[in-house]
Amino acid sequence: MDGVDNSPQNADISTAGVTPEGVLSPADGETLKGSDLARAALEAARASAKARGKQGGRRTTGGANRSKRRRWSGAGPDDRDPQPLGRLASRVAADHGWAERLAGGNVFGKWAKLVGEDVAEHAKPITLSDGELTVQADSTAWATQLRLLQRELIKRIAAGVGDGVVKKLKVQGPQAPNWRFGPRHAPGRGPRDTYG
């Protein structure tokens, strides 16, 4: 019923020598217990296997399963040794192709350190796509200054986060206020006396 053949022709030890206290030894009629019982069962199993034509002892496997066998790393470093979390995170990022996006995130996270405190106070990065970093300045004077410093800023960013992350710098001035509020508005240019 459970997949095991319990038929009497395959029984190795006859039930005549079995008592509730242990197994009777066929030679001298005494009861076996503990390790003697285990030895007797092992000998019976070996004899049964030999009668069926199987070789006793440990199983030897072919060369196909040898590679699955556990190897010890020894004293040197190995990939299976515990790794620092930062190293594992960078390996996962490299395996999944996230390294470029993470380097772009470093530009935003380290902006003040990369370009300097004075520039970071008056300009902030907006977007980074395909190597083009869009920066918005808080005044038109700072936008002009950033356009003049564009090559040096790209060199500083490349030294901080890696070469090729930022290839081009696009500088925007401050945004003028939008006078279109709500879903409906009157056509025209808006108030011209203030900003015109």
C-alpha atoms as a PDB file:
ATOM      1  CA  MET A   1       0.000   0.000   0.000  1.00  0.00           C
ATOM      2  CA  ASP A   2       2.794   2.439   0.860  1.00  0.00           C
ATOM      3  CA  GLY A   3       5.124   1.372  -1.954  1.00  0.00           C
ATOM      4  CA  VAL A   4       7.150  -1.086   0.154  1.00  0.00           C
ATOM      5  CA  ASP A   5       7.118  -4.793  -0.658  1.00  0.00           C
ATOM      6  CA  ASN A   6       6.387  -6.571   2.638  1.00  0.00           C
ATOM      7  CA  SER A   7       5.829  -9.994   1.144  1.00  0.00           C
ATOM      8  CA  PRO A   8       7.274 -12.991   3.025  1.00  0.00           C
ATOM      9  CA  GLN A   9       9.619 -14.056   0.183  1.00  0.00           C
ATOM     10  CA  ASN A  10      11.674 -10.829   0.670  1.00  0.00           C
ATOM     11  CA  ALA A  11      11.864 -11.032   4.444  1.00  0.00           C
ATOM     12  CA  ASP A  12      15.463 -11.345   5.613  1.00  0.00           C
ATOM     13  CA  ILE A  13      14.925 -12.201   9.262  1.00  0.00           C
ATOM     14  CA  SER A  14      12.323 -14.757  10.132  1.00  0.00           C
ATOM     15  CA  THR A  15       9.739 -13.702  12.652  1.00  0.00           C
ATOM     16  CA  ALA A  16      10.304 -16.870  14.656  1.00  0.00           C
ATOM     17  CA  GLY A  17      13.323 -15.344  16.413  1.00  0.00           C
ATOM     18  CA  VAL A  18      11.652 -12.002  17.240  1.00  0.00           C
ATOM     19  CA  THR A  19      10.434 -11.340  20.777  1.00  0.00           C
ATOM     20  CA  PRO A  20       9.115  -8.144  22.385  1.00  0.00           C
ATOM     21  CA  GLU A  21      12.474  -7.754  24.180  1.00  0.00           C
ATOM     22  CA  GLY A  22      14.642  -8.024  21.019  1.00  0.00           C
ATOM     23  CA  VAL A  23      15.887 -10.601  18.479  1.00  0.00           C
ATOM     24  CA  LEU A  24      17.054 -14.075  19.409  1.00  0.00           C
ATOM     25  CA  SER A  25      20.486 -14.860  18.088  1.00  0.00           C
ATOM     26  CA  PRO A  26      20.279 -17.960  15.857  1.00  0.00           C
ATOM     27  CA  ALA A  27      23.602 -19.322  17.157  1.00  0.00           C
ATOM     28  CA  ASP A  28      23.170 -19.451  20.905  1.00  0.00           C
ATOM     29  CA  GLY A  29      19.524 -18.478  21.468  1.00  0.00           C
ATOM     30  CA  GLU A  30      20.185 -15.298  23.518  1.00  0.00           C
ATOM     31  CA  THR A  31      18.271 -12.018  23.032  1.00  0.00           C
ATOM     32  CA  LEU A  32      20.072  -9.156  21.182  1.00  0.00           C
ATOM     33  CA  LYS A  33      19.546  -5.548  22.291  1.00  0.00           C
ATOM     34  CA  GLY A  34      20.982  -2.079  21.433  1.00  0.00           C
ATOM     35  CA  SER A  35      24.085  -2.061  19.257  1.00  0.00           C
ATOM     36  CA  ASP A  36      24.125  -5.855  18.939  1.00  0.00           C
ATOM     37  CA  LEU A  37      20.627  -5.665  17.457  1.00  0.00           C
ATOM     38  CA  ALA A  38      21.781  -3.000  14.986  1.00  0.00           C
ATOM     39  CA  ARG A  39      24.805  -5.107  13.963  1.00  0.00           C
ATOM     40  CA  ALA A  40      22.591  -8.142  13.400  1.00  0.00           C
ATOM     41  CA  ALA A  41      20.182  -6.080  11.264  1.00  0.00           C
ATOM     42  CA  LEU A  42      23.082  -4.697   9.217  1.00  0.00           C
ATOM     43  CA  GLU A  43      24.516  -8.162   8.615  1.00  0.00           C
ATOM     44  CA  ALA A  44      21.080  -9.420   7.560  1.00  0.00           C
ATOM     45  CA  ALA A  45      20.689  -6.503   5.139  1.00  0.00           C
ATOM     46  CA  ARG A  46      24.147  -7.132   3.658  1.00  0.00           C
ATOM     47  CA  ALA A  47      23.389 -10.810   3.221  1.00  0.00           C
ATOM     48  CA  SER A  48      20.104  -9.970   1.544  1.00  0.00           C
ATOM     49  CA  ALA A  49      21.779  -7.509  -0.818  1.00  0.00           C
ATOM     50  CA  LYS A  50      24.489 -10.020  -1.666  1.00  0.00           C
ATOM     51  CA  ALA A  51      21.835 -12.642  -2.436  1.00  0.00           C
ATOM     52  CA  ARG A  52      20.155 -10.188  -4.840  1.00  0.00           C
ATOM     53  CA  GLY A  53      23.480  -9.400  -6.519  1.00  0.00           C
ATOM     54  CA  LYS A  54      24.116  -5.902  -5.202  1.00  0.00           C
ATOM     55  CA  GLN A  55      27.484  -4.841  -3.900  1.00  0.00           C
ATOM     56  CA  GLY A  56      27.602  -3.753  -0.254  1.00  0.00           C
ATOM     57  CA  GLY A  57      29.316  -0.692   1.177  1.00  0.00           C
ATOM     58  CA  ARG A  58      29.109   2.898   0.050  1.00  0.00           C
ATOM     59  CA  ARG A  59      27.638   3.764  -3.270  1.00  0.00           C
ATOM     60  CA  THR A  60      30.018   5.130  -5.840  1.00  0.00           C
ATOM     61  CA  THR A  61      28.633   7.740  -8.183  1.00  0.00           C
ATOM     62  CA  GLY A  62      29.774   8.614 -11.654  1.00  0.00           C
ATOM     63  CA  GLY A  63      31.634  11.750 -12.675  1.00  0.00           C
ATOM     64  CA  ALA A  64      28.398  13.607 -13.436  1.00  0.00           C
ATOM     65  CA  ASN A  65      27.478  13.983  -9.768  1.00  0.00           C
ATOM     66  CA  ARG A  66      30.986  14.765  -8.563  1.00  0.00           C
ATOM     67  CA  SER A  67      30.628  18.438  -9.458  1.00  0.00           C
ATOM     68  CA  LYS A  68      27.638  18.690  -7.101  1.00  0.00           C
ATOM     69  CA  ARG A  69      29.787  17.591  -4.208  1.00  0.00           C
ATOM     70  CA  ARG A  70      30.522  20.309  -1.709  1.00  0.00           C
ATOM     71  CA  ARG A  71      33.948  21.876  -1.953  1.00  0.00           C
ATOM     72  CA  TRP A  72      35.538  23.714   0.928  1.00  0.00           C
ATOM     73  CA  SER A  73      36.829  27.201   0.333  1.00  0.00           C
ATOM     74  CA  GLY A  74      39.922  26.866   2.472  1.00  0.00           C
ATOM     75  CA  ALA A  75      41.843  29.797   3.863  1.00  0.00           C
ATOM     76  CA  GLY A  76      41.531  32.110   0.848  1.00  0.00           C
ATOM     77  CA  PRO A  77      38.552  34.318  -0.031  1.00  0.00           C
ATOM     78  CA  ASP A  78      35.744  32.688  -1.947  1.00  0.00           C
ATOM     79  CA  ASP A  79      32.381  33.728  -3.447  1.00  0.00           C
ATOM     80  CA  ARG A  80      30.601  31.594  -0.853  1.00  0.00           C
ATOM     81  CA  ASP A  81      32.178  33.468   2.065  1.00  0.00           C
ATOM     82  CA  PRO A  82      30.112  36.155   3.831  1.00  0.00           C
ATOM     83  CA  GLN A  83      30.277  39.429   1.884  1.00  0.00           C
ATOM     84  CA  PRO A  84      29.720  43.044   2.949  1.00  0.00           C
ATOM     85  CA  LEU A  85      26.266  44.325   2.045  1.00  0.00           C
ATOM     86  CA  GLY A  86      27.624  47.116  -0.159  1.00  0.00           C
ATOM     87  CA  ARG A  87      29.599  44.666  -2.292  1.00  0.00           C
ATOM     88  CA  LEU A  88      26.562  42.423  -2.695  1.00  0.00           C
ATOM     89  CA  ALA A  89      24.346  45.386  -3.639  1.00  0.00           C
ATOM     90  CA  SER A  90      26.821  46.585  -6.278  1.00  0.00           C
ATOM     91  CA  ARG A  91      27.074  43.045  -7.687  1.00  0.00           C
ATOM     92  CA  VAL A  92      23.266  42.770  -7.930  1.00  0.00           C
ATOM     93  CA  ALA A  93      23.099  46.203  -9.586  1.00  0.00           C
ATOM     94  CA  ALA A  94      25.731  45.201 -12.131  1.00  0.00           C
ATOM     95  CA  ASP A  95      23.999  41.868 -12.849  1.00  0.00           C
ATOM     96  CA  HIS A  96      20.636  43.544 -13.488  1.00  0.00           C
ATOM     97  CA  GLY A  97      22.013  46.511 -15.455  1.00  0.00           C
ATOM     98  CA  TRP A  98      21.155  49.089 -12.820  1.00  0.00           C
ATOM     99  CA  ALA A  99      24.647  50.565 -12.503  1.00  0.00           C
ATOM    100  CA  GLU A 100      23.980  53.471 -14.902  1.00  0.00           C
ATOM    101  CA  ARG A 101      20.740  54.447 -13.158  1.00  0.00           C
ATOM    102  CA  LEU A 102      22.409  54.275  -9.742  1.00  0.00           C
ATOM    103  CA  ALA A 103      25.250  56.466 -10.970  1.00  0.00           C
ATOM    104  CA  GLY A 104      22.605  58.958 -12.121  1.00  0.00           C
ATOM    105  CA  GLY A 105      21.090  58.819  -8.658  1.00  0.00           C
ATOM    106  CA  ASN A 106      24.520  59.621  -7.196  1.00  0.00           C
ATOM    107  CA  VAL A 107      24.537  62.848  -9.219  1.00  0.00           C
ATOM    108  CA  PHE A 108      21.352  63.958  -7.465  1.00  0.00           C
ATOM    109  CA  GLY A 109      22.386  62.657  -4.044  1.00  0.00           C
ATOM    110  CA  LYS A 110      25.891  64.159  -4.059  1.00  0.00           C
ATOM    111  CA  TRP A 111      25.080  67.338  -5.990  1.00  0.00           C
ATOM    112  CA  ALA A 112      26.436  69.775  -3.394  1.00  0.00           C
ATOM    113  CA  LYS A 113      29.662  67.783  -2.989  1.00  0.00           C
ATOM    114  CA  LEU A 114      30.178  67.394  -6.752  1.00  0.00           C
ATOM    115  CA  VAL A 115      29.700  70.979  -7.911  1.00  0.00           C
ATOM    116  CA  GLY A 116      30.511  72.876  -4.723  1.00  0.00           C
ATOM    117  CA  GLU A 117      28.346  74.527  -2.091  1.00  0.00           C
ATOM    118  CA  ASP A 118      28.090  77.920  -3.834  1.00  0.00           C
ATOM    119  CA  VAL A 119      26.834  76.470  -7.134  1.00  0.00           C
ATOM    120  CA  ALA A 120      24.524  73.999  -5.377  1.00  0.00           C
ATOM    121  CA  GLU A 121      22.949  76.856  -3.440  1.00  0.00           C
ATOM    122  CA  HIS A 122      21.770  78.539  -6.658  1.00  0.00           C
ATOM    123  CA  ALA A 123      21.212  75.554  -8.996  1.00  0.00           C
ATOM    124  CA  LYS A 124      19.549  72.176  -8.659  1.00  0.00           C
ATOM    125  CA  PRO A 125      19.496  69.146 -10.962  1.00  0.00           C
ATOM    126  CA  ILE A 126      16.102  68.401 -12.498  1.00  0.00           C
ATOM    127  CA  THR A 127      16.465  65.379 -14.802  1.00  0.00           C
ATOM    128  CA  LEU A 128      19.145  63.067 -16.182  1.00  0.00           C
ATOM    129  CA  SER A 129      18.349  61.135 -19.336  1.00  0.00           C
ATOM    130  CA  ASP A 130      20.706  59.677 -21.939  1.00  0.00           C
ATOM    131  CA  GLY A 131      23.702  61.459 -20.438  1.00  0.00           C
ATOM    132  CA  GLU A 132      22.060  64.900 -20.528  1.00  0.00           C
ATOM    133  CA  LEU A 133      21.695  66.572 -17.132  1.00  0.00           C
ATOM    134  CA  THR A 134      19.119  69.360 -16.921  1.00  0.00           C
ATOM    135  CA  VAL A 135      19.914  71.953 -14.245  1.00  0.00           C
ATOM    136  CA  GLN A 136      17.659  74.793 -13.172  1.00  0.00           C
ATOM    137  CA  ALA A 137      19.224  77.992 -11.848  1.00  0.00           C
ATOM    138  CA  ASP A 138      17.387  80.323  -9.486  1.00  0.00           C
ATOM    139  CA  SER A 139      18.220  83.445 -11.538  1.00  0.00           C
ATOM    140  CA  THR A 140      19.197  84.325 -15.091  1.00  0.00           C
ATOM    141  CA  ALA A 141      22.604  85.524 -13.884  1.00  0.00           C
ATOM    142  CA  TRP A 142      23.347  82.098 -12.359  1.00  0.00           C
ATOM    143  CA  ALA A 143      22.057  80.389 -15.512  1.00  0.00           C
ATOM    144  CA  THR A 144      24.588  82.379 -17.564  1.00  0.00           C
ATOM    145  CA  GLN A 145      27.350  81.575 -15.063  1.00  0.00           C
ATOM    146  CA  LEU A 146      26.549  77.843 -15.212  1.00  0.00           C
ATOM    147  CA  ARG A 147      26.661  77.901 -19.009  1.00  0.00           C
ATOM    148  CA  LEU A 148      30.162  79.383 -18.787  1.00  0.00           C
ATOM    149  CA  LEU A 149      31.244  76.759 -16.213  1.00  0.00           C
ATOM    150  CA  GLN A 150      29.647  73.885 -18.125  1.00  0.00           C
ATOM    151  CA  ARG A 151      32.890  72.066 -19.084  1.00  0.00           C
ATOM    152  CA  GLU A 152      34.337  72.294 -15.597  1.00  0.00           C
ATOM    153  CA  LEU A 153      31.099  71.085 -14.002  1.00  0.00           C
ATOM    154  CA  ILE A 154      31.028  68.040 -16.303  1.00  0.00           C
ATOM    155  CA  LYS A 155      34.649  67.252 -15.336  1.00  0.00           C
ATOM    156  CA  ARG A 156      33.830  67.528 -11.616  1.00  0.00           C
ATOM    157  CA  ILE A 157      30.782  65.285 -11.977  1.00  0.00           C
ATOM    158  CA  ALA A 158      32.809  62.722 -13.964  1.00  0.00           C
ATOM    159  CA  ALA A 159      35.486  62.688 -11.251  1.00  0.00           C
ATOM    160  CA  GLY A 160      32.837  62.161  -8.552  1.00  0.00           C
ATOM    161  CA  VAL A 161      30.481  59.562 -10.036  1.00  0.00           C
ATOM    162  CA  GLY A 162      32.264  58.168 -13.076  1.00  0.00           C
ATOM    163  CA  ASP A 163      33.112  59.102 -16.612  1.00  0.00           C
ATOM    164  CA  GLY A 164      30.274  59.059 -19.152  1.00  0.00           C
ATOM    165  CA  VAL A 165      27.398  59.439 -16.681  1.00  0.00           C
ATOM    166  CA  VAL A 166      26.891  63.102 -17.608  1.00  0.00           C
ATOM    167  CA  LYS A 167      27.936  63.982 -21.162  1.00  0.00           C
ATOM    168  CA  LYS A 168      25.989  67.200 -21.665  1.00  0.00           C
ATOM    169  CA  LEU A 169      24.682  69.900 -19.355  1.00  0.00           C
ATOM    170  CA  LYS A 170      21.477  71.761 -20.184  1.00  0.00           C
ATOM    171  CA  VAL A 171      20.952  74.888 -18.076  1.00  0.00           C
ATOM    172  CA  GLN A 172      17.518  76.432 -17.580  1.00  0.00           C
ATOM    173  CA  GLY A 173      16.724  79.792 -16.064  1.00  0.00           C
ATOM    174  CA  PRO A 174      13.992  80.407 -13.514  1.00  0.00           C
ATOM    175  CA  GLN A 175      10.441  79.606 -14.501  1.00  0.00           C
ATOM    176  CA  ALA A 176       8.074  82.543 -15.004  1.00  0.00           C
ATOM    177  CA  PRO A 177       4.784  82.189 -13.182  1.00  0.00           C
ATOM    178  CA  ASN A 178       1.927  80.605 -15.113  1.00  0.00           C
ATOM    179  CA  TRP A 179      -1.205  82.718 -15.253  1.00  0.00           C
ATOM    180  CA  ARG A 180      -3.461  79.950 -16.530  1.00  0.00           C
ATOM    181  CA  PHE A 181      -5.415  78.696 -13.531  1.00  0.00           C
ATOM    182  CA  GLY A 182      -8.299  76.251 -13.811  1.00  0.00           C
ATOM    183  CA  PRO A 183      -9.699  74.363 -16.780  1.00  0.00           C
ATOM    184  CA  ARG A 184     -10.883  77.487 -18.672  1.00  0.00           C
ATOM    185  CA  HIS A 185      -8.926  80.580 -19.560  1.00  0.00           C
ATOM    186  CA  ALA A 186      -9.183  83.593 -21.850  1.00  0.00           C
ATOM    187  CA  PRO A 187      -7.029  83.544 -24.974  1.00  0.00           C
ATOM    188  CA  GLY A 188      -4.090  85.891 -25.158  1.00  0.00           C
ATOM    189  CA  ARG A 189      -0.626  86.442 -23.749  1.00  0.00           C
ATOM    190  CA  GLY A 190      -1.672  87.266 -20.227  1.00  0.00           C
ATOM    191  CA  PRO A 191      -0.682  90.381 -18.266  1.00  0.00           C
ATOM    192  CA  ARG A 192       1.938  92.297 -20.248  1.00  0.00           C
ATOM    193  CA  ASP A 193       2.570  95.218 -18.020  1.00  0.00           C
ATOM    194  CA  THR A 194       4.526  93.266 -15.378  1.00  0.00           C
ATOM    195  CA  TYR A 195       6.770  90.858 -17.350  1.00  0.00           C
ATOM    196  CA  GLY A 196       6.711  92.332 -20.868  1.00  0.00           C
END
